[in-house]
Amino acid sequence: TRVQEFVLLGLSTWPDIRDLLFAIFLTLYLLT
């Protein structure tokens, strides 16, 4: 079957620290 979209797991394999990672990477993103 022709794939119409992909699902990116990202860092969701670490659910316990997802909120912390979001805050860290958002800060790094804006700082960069």
PDB file of all heavy atoms in Angstrom:
ATOM      1  N   THR A   1       0.836  -1.187   0.000  1.00  0.00           N
ATOM      2  CA  THR A   1       0.000   0.000   0.000  1.00  0.00           C
ATOM      3  C   THR A   1       0.872   1.239   0.000  1.00  0.00           C
ATOM      4  O   THR A   1       1.906   1.302   0.655  1.00  0.00           O
ATOM      5  CB  THR A   1      -0.904   0.006   1.244  1.00  0.00           C
ATOM      6  OG1 THR A   1      -0.076  -0.058   2.403  1.00  0.00           O
ATOM      7  CG2 THR A   1      -1.848  -1.172   1.221  1.00  0.00           C
ATOM      8  N   ARG A   2       0.426   2.223  -0.772  1.00  0.00           N
ATOM      9  CA  ARG A   2       1.160   3.472  -0.867  1.00  0.00           C
ATOM     10  C   ARG A   2       0.999   4.255   0.432  1.00  0.00           C
ATOM     11  O   ARG A   2      -0.101   4.594   0.847  1.00  0.00           O
ATOM     12  CB  ARG A   2       0.611   4.301  -2.051  1.00  0.00           C
ATOM     13  CG  ARG A   2       1.224   5.675  -2.189  1.00  0.00           C
ATOM     14  CD  ARG A   2       2.665   5.586  -2.631  1.00  0.00           C
ATOM     15  NE  ARG A   2       3.221   6.902  -2.930  1.00  0.00           N
ATOM     16  CZ  ARG A   2       4.460   7.115  -3.343  1.00  0.00           C
ATOM     17  NH1 ARG A   2       5.265   6.091  -3.491  1.00  0.00           N
ATOM     18  NH2 ARG A   2       4.890   8.322  -3.595  1.00  0.00           N
ATOM     19  N   VAL A   3       2.129   4.548   1.086  1.00  0.00           N
ATOM     20  CA  VAL A   3       2.096   5.283   2.340  1.00  0.00           C
ATOM     21  C   VAL A   3       1.776   6.743   2.064  1.00  0.00           C
ATOM     22  O   VAL A   3       2.435   7.389   1.245  1.00  0.00           O
ATOM     23  CB  VAL A   3       3.446   5.152   3.072  1.00  0.00           C
ATOM     24  CG1 VAL A   3       3.503   6.090   4.266  1.00  0.00           C
ATOM     25  CG2 VAL A   3       3.666   3.715   3.512  1.00  0.00           C
ATOM     26  N   GLN A   4       0.729   7.254   2.715  1.00  0.00           N
ATOM     27  CA  GLN A   4       0.319   8.650   2.539  1.00  0.00           C
ATOM     28  C   GLN A   4       0.928   9.568   3.584  1.00  0.00           C
ATOM     29  O   GLN A   4       1.026  10.771   3.373  1.00  0.00           O
ATOM     30  CB  GLN A   4      -1.219   8.761   2.600  1.00  0.00           C
ATOM     31  CG  GLN A   4      -1.935   7.959   1.534  1.00  0.00           C
ATOM     32  CD  GLN A   4      -1.590   8.423   0.131  1.00  0.00           C
ATOM     33  OE1 GLN A   4      -1.456   9.626  -0.124  1.00  0.00           O
ATOM     34  NE2 GLN A   4      -1.440   7.475  -0.780  1.00  0.00           N
ATOM     35  N   GLU A   5       1.320   8.992   4.715  1.00  0.00           N
ATOM     36  CA  GLU A   5       1.939   9.780   5.766  1.00  0.00           C
ATOM     37  C   GLU A   5       2.842   8.888   6.613  1.00  0.00           C
ATOM     38  O   GLU A   5       2.740   7.663   6.591  1.00  0.00           O
ATOM     39  CB  GLU A   5       0.891  10.454   6.653  1.00  0.00           C
ATOM     40  CG  GLU A   5       0.118   9.495   7.538  1.00  0.00           C
ATOM     41  CD  GLU A   5      -0.747  10.201   8.560  1.00  0.00           C
ATOM     42  OE1 GLU A   5      -0.937  11.429   8.437  1.00  0.00           O
ATOM     43  OE2 GLU A   5      -1.231   9.517   9.486  1.00  0.00           O
ATOM     44  N   PHE A   6       3.747   9.541   7.328  1.00  0.00           N
ATOM     45  CA  PHE A   6       4.617   8.843   8.267  1.00  0.00           C
ATOM     46  C   PHE A   6       4.317   9.322   9.682  1.00  0.00           C
ATOM     47  O   PHE A   6       3.916  10.468   9.891  1.00  0.00           O
ATOM     48  CB  PHE A   6       6.091   9.096   7.945  1.00  0.00           C
ATOM     49  CG  PHE A   6       6.541   8.533   6.627  1.00  0.00           C
ATOM     50  CD1 PHE A   6       6.694   9.353   5.517  1.00  0.00           C
ATOM     51  CD2 PHE A   6       6.814   7.178   6.492  1.00  0.00           C
ATOM     52  CE1 PHE A   6       7.115   8.845   4.308  1.00  0.00           C
ATOM     53  CE2 PHE A   6       7.232   6.656   5.277  1.00  0.00           C
ATOM     54  CZ  PHE A   6       7.376   7.488   4.182  1.00  0.00           C
ATOM     55  N   VAL A   7       4.519   8.416  10.626  1.00  0.00           N
ATOM     56  CA  VAL A   7       4.347   8.756  12.038  1.00  0.00           C
ATOM     57  C   VAL A   7       5.729   8.777  12.684  1.00  0.00           C
ATOM     58  O   VAL A   7       6.423   7.757  12.712  1.00  0.00           O
ATOM     59  CB  VAL A   7       3.443   7.740  12.756  1.00  0.00           C
ATOM     60  CG1 VAL A   7       3.311   8.105  14.232  1.00  0.00           C
ATOM     61  CG2 VAL A   7       2.073   7.678  12.092  1.00  0.00           C
ATOM     62  N   LEU A   8       6.127   9.928  13.171  1.00  0.00           N
ATOM     63  CA  LEU A   8       7.419  10.081  13.823  1.00  0.00           C
ATOM     64  C   LEU A   8       7.269   9.812  15.317  1.00  0.00           C
ATOM     65  O   LEU A   8       6.529  10.515  16.014  1.00  0.00           O
ATOM     66  CB  LEU A   8       7.964  11.496  13.601  1.00  0.00           C
ATOM     67  CG  LEU A   8       8.153  11.945  12.140  1.00  0.00           C
ATOM     68  CD1 LEU A   8       8.656  13.376  12.098  1.00  0.00           C
ATOM     69  CD2 LEU A   8       9.105  11.022  11.400  1.00  0.00           C
ATOM     70  N   LEU A   9       7.971   8.799  15.797  1.00  0.00           N
ATOM     71  CA  LEU A   9       7.928   8.505  17.230  1.00  0.00           C
ATOM     72  C   LEU A   9       8.643   9.578  18.039  1.00  0.00           C
ATOM     73  O   LEU A   9       8.294   9.831  19.192  1.00  0.00           O
ATOM     74  CB  LEU A   9       8.570   7.147  17.514  1.00  0.00           C
ATOM     75  CG  LEU A   9       7.820   5.912  17.019  1.00  0.00           C
ATOM     76  CD1 LEU A   9       8.575   4.648  17.433  1.00  0.00           C
ATOM     77  CD2 LEU A   9       6.400   5.877  17.552  1.00  0.00           C
ATOM     78  N   GLY A  10       9.661  10.201  17.441  1.00  0.00           N
ATOM     79  CA  GLY A  10      10.400  11.234  18.145  1.00  0.00           C
ATOM     80  C   GLY A  10      11.025  10.700  19.416  1.00  0.00           C
ATOM     81  O   GLY A  10      11.565   9.595  19.468  1.00  0.00           O
ATOM     82  N   LEU A  11      10.913  11.491  20.473  1.00  0.00           N
ATOM     83  CA  LEU A  11      11.414  11.077  21.778  1.00  0.00           C
ATOM     84  C   LEU A  11      10.287  10.617  22.688  1.00  0.00           C
ATOM     85  O   LEU A  11      10.421  10.617  23.913  1.00  0.00           O
ATOM     86  CB  LEU A  11      12.188  12.232  22.435  1.00  0.00           C
ATOM     87  CG  LEU A  11      13.356  12.791  21.618  1.00  0.00           C
ATOM     88  CD1 LEU A  11      14.051  13.906  22.376  1.00  0.00           C
ATOM     89  CD2 LEU A  11      14.349  11.702  21.242  1.00  0.00           C
ATOM     90  N   SER A  12       9.165  10.226  22.077  1.00  0.00           N
ATOM     91  CA  SER A  12       8.015   9.771  22.865  1.00  0.00           C
ATOM     92  C   SER A  12       8.262   8.419  23.523  1.00  0.00           C
ATOM     93  O   SER A  12       7.469   7.969  24.340  1.00  0.00           O
ATOM     94  CB  SER A  12       6.767   9.681  21.976  1.00  0.00           C
ATOM     95  OG  SER A  12       6.964   8.751  20.928  1.00  0.00           O
ATOM     96  N   THR A  13       9.367   7.751  23.147  1.00  0.00           N
ATOM     97  CA  THR A  13       9.712   6.490  23.793  1.00  0.00           C
ATOM     98  C   THR A  13      10.198   6.707  25.223  1.00  0.00           C
ATOM     99  O   THR A  13      10.429   5.749  25.956  1.00  0.00           O
ATOM    100  CB  THR A  13      10.795   5.763  22.983  1.00  0.00           C
ATOM    101  OG1 THR A  13      11.889   6.680  22.713  1.00  0.00           O
ATOM    102  CG2 THR A  13      10.236   5.284  21.649  1.00  0.00           C
ATOM    103  N   TRP A  14      10.372   7.976  25.600  1.00  0.00           N
ATOM    104  CA  TRP A  14      10.737   8.336  26.969  1.00  0.00           C
ATOM    105  C   TRP A  14       9.612   9.169  27.583  1.00  0.00           C
ATOM    106  O   TRP A  14       9.767  10.377  27.830  1.00  0.00           O
ATOM    107  CB  TRP A  14      12.048   9.113  27.002  1.00  0.00           C
ATOM    108  CG  TRP A  14      13.185   8.386  26.342  1.00  0.00           C
ATOM    109  CD1 TRP A  14      13.381   7.041  26.306  1.00  0.00           C
ATOM    110  CD2 TRP A  14      14.261   8.961  25.602  1.00  0.00           C
ATOM    111  NE1 TRP A  14      14.520   6.731  25.604  1.00  0.00           N
ATOM    112  CE2 TRP A  14      15.082   7.885  25.160  1.00  0.00           C
ATOM    113  CE3 TRP A  14      14.630  10.257  25.270  1.00  0.00           C
ATOM    114  CZ2 TRP A  14      16.234   8.090  24.406  1.00  0.00           C
ATOM    115  CZ3 TRP A  14      15.777  10.466  24.527  1.00  0.00           C
ATOM    116  CH2 TRP A  14      16.561   9.389  24.100  1.00  0.00           C
ATOM    117  N   PRO A  15       8.435   8.579  27.819  1.00  0.00           N
ATOM    118  CA  PRO A  15       7.258   9.361  28.229  1.00  0.00           C
ATOM    119  C   PRO A  15       7.398  10.014  29.601  1.00  0.00           C
ATOM    120  O   PRO A  15       6.775  11.042  29.856  1.00  0.00           O
ATOM    121  CB  PRO A  15       6.128   8.318  28.223  1.00  0.00           C
ATOM    122  CG  PRO A  15       6.816   7.000  28.414  1.00  0.00           C
ATOM    123  CD  PRO A  15       8.142   7.134  27.733  1.00  0.00           C
ATOM    124  N   ASP A  16       8.199   9.445  30.476  1.00  0.00           N
ATOM    125  CA  ASP A  16       8.298   9.975  31.835  1.00  0.00           C
ATOM    126  C   ASP A  16       8.928  11.363  31.878  1.00  0.00           C
ATOM    127  O   ASP A  16       8.681  12.119  32.832  1.00  0.00           O
ATOM    128  CB  ASP A  16       9.115   9.017  32.725  1.00  0.00           C
ATOM    129  CG  ASP A  16       8.417   7.675  32.897  1.00  0.00           C
ATOM    130  OD1 ASP A  16       7.183   7.632  32.703  1.00  0.00           O
ATOM    131  OD2 ASP A  16       9.101   6.681  33.203  1.00  0.00           O
ATOM    132  N   ILE A  17       9.754  11.678  30.897  1.00  0.00           N
ATOM    133  CA  ILE A  17      10.435  12.981  30.919  1.00  0.00           C
ATOM    134  C   ILE A  17      10.066  13.830  29.702  1.00  0.00           C
ATOM    135  O   ILE A  17      10.804  14.738  29.329  1.00  0.00           O
ATOM    136  CB  ILE A  17      11.959  12.788  30.984  1.00  0.00           C
ATOM    137  CG1 ILE A  17      12.444  11.913  29.806  1.00  0.00           C
ATOM    138  CG2 ILE A  17      12.378  12.179  32.309  1.00  0.00           C
ATOM    139  CD1 ILE A  17      13.968  11.822  29.721  1.00  0.00           C
ATOM    140  N   ARG A  18       8.919  13.548  29.095  1.00  0.00           N
ATOM    141  CA  ARG A  18       8.525  14.276  27.888  1.00  0.00           C
ATOM    142  C   ARG A  18       8.357  15.760  28.139  1.00  0.00           C
ATOM    143  O   ARG A  18       8.822  16.593  27.354  1.00  0.00           O
ATOM    144  CB  ARG A  18       7.217  13.687  27.334  1.00  0.00           C
ATOM    145  CG  ARG A  18       7.374  13.145  25.918  1.00  0.00           C
ATOM    146  CD  ARG A  18       6.116  12.484  25.445  1.00  0.00           C
ATOM    147  NE  ARG A  18       4.977  13.384  25.507  1.00  0.00           N
ATOM    148  CZ  ARG A  18       3.711  12.987  25.436  1.00  0.00           C
ATOM    149  NH1 ARG A  18       3.452  11.711  25.348  1.00  0.00           N
ATOM    150  NH2 ARG A  18       2.723  13.856  25.468  1.00  0.00           N
ATOM    151  N   ASP A  19       7.685  16.134  29.217  1.00  0.00           N
ATOM    152  CA  ASP A  19       7.458  17.553  29.512  1.00  0.00           C
ATOM    153  C   ASP A  19       8.775  18.279  29.756  1.00  0.00           C
ATOM    154  O   ASP A  19       8.971  19.406  29.292  1.00  0.00           O
ATOM    155  CB  ASP A  19       6.541  17.703  30.731  1.00  0.00           C
ATOM    156  CG  ASP A  19       5.133  17.201  30.459  1.00  0.00           C
ATOM    157  OD1 ASP A  19       4.767  17.122  29.267  1.00  0.00           O
ATOM    158  OD2 ASP A  19       4.410  16.886  31.421  1.00  0.00           O
ATOM    159  N   LEU A  20       9.678  17.628  30.464  1.00  0.00           N
ATOM    160  CA  LEU A  20      10.981  18.232  30.726  1.00  0.00           C
ATOM    161  C   LEU A  20      11.763  18.410  29.430  1.00  0.00           C
ATOM    162  O   LEU A  20      12.372  19.468  29.195  1.00  0.00           O
ATOM    163  CB  LEU A  20      11.765  17.354  31.699  1.00  0.00           C
ATOM    164  CG  LEU A  20      13.204  17.795  32.005  1.00  0.00           C
ATOM    165  CD1 LEU A  20      13.219  19.178  32.645  1.00  0.00           C
ATOM    166  CD2 LEU A  20      13.914  16.771  32.886  1.00  0.00           C
ATOM    167  N   LEU A  21      11.731  17.382  28.571  1.00  0.00           N
ATOM    168  CA  LEU A  21      12.426  17.476  27.294  1.00  0.00           C
ATOM    169  C   LEU A  21      11.839  18.568  26.415  1.00  0.00           C
ATOM    170  O   LEU A  21      12.579  19.278  25.721  1.00  0.00           O
ATOM    171  CB  LEU A  21      12.366  16.124  26.565  1.00  0.00           C
ATOM    172  CG  LEU A  21      13.197  14.983  27.159  1.00  0.00           C
ATOM    173  CD1 LEU A  21      12.948  13.692  26.394  1.00  0.00           C
ATOM    174  CD2 LEU A  21      14.681  15.335  27.156  1.00  0.00           C
ATOM    175  N   PHE A  22      10.521  18.711  26.436  1.00  0.00           N
ATOM    176  CA  PHE A  22       9.884  19.768  25.642  1.00  0.00           C
ATOM    177  C   PHE A  22      10.389  21.141  26.084  1.00  0.00           C
ATOM    178  O   PHE A  22      10.734  21.980  25.239  1.00  0.00           O
ATOM    179  CB  PHE A  22       8.363  19.695  25.780  1.00  0.00           C
ATOM    180  CG  PHE A  22       7.647  20.790  25.019  1.00  0.00           C
ATOM    181  CD1 PHE A  22       7.388  20.639  23.670  1.00  0.00           C
ATOM    182  CD2 PHE A  22       7.247  21.954  25.653  1.00  0.00           C
ATOM    183  CE1 PHE A  22       6.737  21.646  22.952  1.00  0.00           C
ATOM    184  CE2 PHE A  22       6.603  22.957  24.948  1.00  0.00           C
ATOM    185  CZ  PHE A  22       6.344  22.798  23.598  1.00  0.00           C
ATOM    186  N   ALA A  23      10.432  21.372  27.384  1.00  0.00           N
ATOM    187  CA  ALA A  23      10.901  22.659  27.904  1.00  0.00           C
ATOM    188  C   ALA A  23      12.366  22.893  27.529  1.00  0.00           C
ATOM    189  O   ALA A  23      12.747  24.012  27.129  1.00  0.00           O
ATOM    190  CB  ALA A  23      10.720  22.711  29.416  1.00  0.00           C
ATOM    191  N   ILE A  24      13.181  21.844  27.625  1.00  0.00           N
ATOM    192  CA  ILE A  24      14.605  21.984  27.311  1.00  0.00           C
ATOM    193  C   ILE A  24      14.813  22.301  25.834  1.00  0.00           C
ATOM    194  O   ILE A  24      15.531  23.251  25.469  1.00  0.00           O
ATOM    195  CB  ILE A  24      15.363  20.701  27.697  1.00  0.00           C
ATOM    196  CG1 ILE A  24      15.398  20.539  29.218  1.00  0.00           C
ATOM    197  CG2 ILE A  24      16.789  20.725  27.131  1.00  0.00           C
ATOM    198  CD1 ILE A  24      16.001  19.229  29.679  1.00  0.00           C
ATOM    199  N   PHE A  25      14.156  21.524  24.959  1.00  0.00           N
ATOM    200  CA  PHE A  25      14.378  21.712  23.525  1.00  0.00           C
ATOM    201  C   PHE A  25      13.735  22.993  23.007  1.00  0.00           C
ATOM    202  O   PHE A  25      14.253  23.605  22.067  1.00  0.00           O
ATOM    203  CB  PHE A  25      13.875  20.493  22.746  1.00  0.00           C
ATOM    204  CG  PHE A  25      14.781  19.305  22.856  1.00  0.00           C
ATOM    205  CD1 PHE A  25      14.353  18.134  23.468  1.00  0.00           C
ATOM    206  CD2 PHE A  25      16.071  19.348  22.366  1.00  0.00           C
ATOM    207  CE1 PHE A  25      15.198  17.042  23.582  1.00  0.00           C
ATOM    208  CE2 PHE A  25      16.924  18.263  22.472  1.00  0.00           C
ATOM    209  CZ  PHE A  25      16.479  17.106  23.083  1.00  0.00           C
ATOM    210  N   LEU A  26      12.643  23.422  23.592  1.00  0.00           N
ATOM    211  CA  LEU A  26      12.063  24.705  23.204  1.00  0.00           C
ATOM    212  C   LEU A  26      13.016  25.842  23.568  1.00  0.00           C
ATOM    213  O   LEU A  26      13.217  26.779  22.774  1.00  0.00           O
ATOM    214  CB  LEU A  26      10.712  24.907  23.887  1.00  0.00           C
ATOM    215  CG  LEU A  26      10.002  26.240  23.587  1.00  0.00           C
ATOM    216  CD1 LEU A  26       9.712  26.372  22.096  1.00  0.00           C
ATOM    217  CD2 LEU A  26       8.708  26.350  24.391  1.00  0.00           C
ATOM    218  N   THR A  27      13.623  25.755  24.743  1.00  0.00           N
ATOM    219  CA  THR A  27      14.599  26.774  25.158  1.00  0.00           C
ATOM    220  C   THR A  27      15.810  26.773  24.227  1.00  0.00           C
ATOM    221  O   THR A  27      16.276  27.844  23.792  1.00  0.00           O
ATOM    222  CB  THR A  27      15.050  26.509  26.608  1.00  0.00           C
ATOM    223  OG1 THR A  27      13.911  26.520  27.474  1.00  0.00           O
ATOM    224  CG2 THR A  27      16.038  27.575  27.058  1.00  0.00           C
ATOM    225  N   LEU A  28      16.311  25.583  23.915  1.00  0.00           N
ATOM    226  CA  LEU A  28      17.456  25.482  23.001  1.00  0.00           C
ATOM    227  C   LEU A  28      17.102  26.019  21.619  1.00  0.00           C
ATOM    228  O   LEU A  28      17.922  26.689  20.965  1.00  0.00           O
ATOM    229  CB  LEU A  28      17.920  24.031  22.901  1.00  0.00           C
ATOM    230  CG  LEU A  28      18.518  23.396  24.160  1.00  0.00           C
ATOM    231  CD1 LEU A  28      18.889  21.942  23.893  1.00  0.00           C
ATOM    232  CD2 LEU A  28      19.733  24.174  24.635  1.00  0.00           C
ATOM    233  N   TYR A  29      15.894  25.725  21.165  1.00  0.00           N
ATOM    234  CA  TYR A  29      15.424  26.180  19.851  1.00  0.00           C
ATOM    235  C   TYR A  29      15.409  27.708  19.771  1.00  0.00           C
ATOM    236  O   TYR A  29      15.977  28.302  18.839  1.00  0.00           O
ATOM    237  CB  TYR A  29      14.035  25.605  19.612  1.00  0.00           C
ATOM    238  CG  TYR A  29      13.353  26.048  18.343  1.00  0.00           C
ATOM    239  CD1 TYR A  29      13.859  25.697  17.090  1.00  0.00           C
ATOM    240  CD2 TYR A  29      12.177  26.791  18.382  1.00  0.00           C
ATOM    241  CE1 TYR A  29      13.225  26.086  15.927  1.00  0.00           C
ATOM    242  CE2 TYR A  29      11.528  27.183  17.224  1.00  0.00           C
ATOM    243  CZ  TYR A  29      12.061  26.835  16.000  1.00  0.00           C
ATOM    244  OH  TYR A  29      11.427  27.222  14.849  1.00  0.00           O
ATOM    245  N   LEU A  30      14.799  28.344  20.751  1.00  0.00           N
ATOM    246  CA  LEU A  30      14.706  29.803  20.752  1.00  0.00           C
ATOM    247  C   LEU A  30      16.078  30.444  20.943  1.00  0.00           C
ATOM    248  O   LEU A  30      16.392  31.461  20.308  1.00  0.00           O
ATOM    249  CB  LEU A  30      13.745  30.262  21.855  1.00  0.00           C
ATOM    250  CG  LEU A  30      12.292  29.803  21.696  1.00  0.00           C
ATOM    251  CD1 LEU A  30      11.458  30.238  22.903  1.00  0.00           C
ATOM    252  CD2 LEU A  30      11.689  30.346  20.405  1.00  0.00           C
ATOM    253  N   LEU A  31      16.894  29.850  21.800  1.00  0.00           N
ATOM    254  CA  LEU A  31      18.235  30.376  22.042  1.00  0.00           C
ATOM    255  C   LEU A  31      19.096  30.280  20.784  1.00  0.00           C
ATOM    256  O   LEU A  31      19.859  31.210  20.466  1.00  0.00           O
ATOM    257  CB  LEU A  31      18.888  29.616  23.194  1.00  0.00           C
ATOM    258  CG  LEU A  31      20.244  30.129  23.688  1.00  0.00           C
ATOM    259  CD1 LEU A  31      20.124  31.565  24.172  1.00  0.00           C
ATOM    260  CD2 LEU A  31      20.782  29.239  24.810  1.00  0.00           C
ATOM    261  N   THR A  32      18.984  29.174  20.068  1.00  0.00           N
ATOM    262  CA  THR A  32      19.751  28.995  18.837  1.00  0.00           C
ATOM    263  C   THR A  32      19.363  30.024  17.787  1.00  0.00           C
ATOM    264  O   THR A  32      20.227  30.618  17.126  1.00  0.00           O
ATOM    265  CB  THR A  32      19.544  27.579  18.278  1.00  0.00           C
ATOM    266  OG1 THR A  32      19.946  26.621  19.257  1.00  0.00           O
ATOM    267  CG2 THR A  32      20.343  27.366  17.011  1.00  0.00           C
TER     268      THR A  32
END
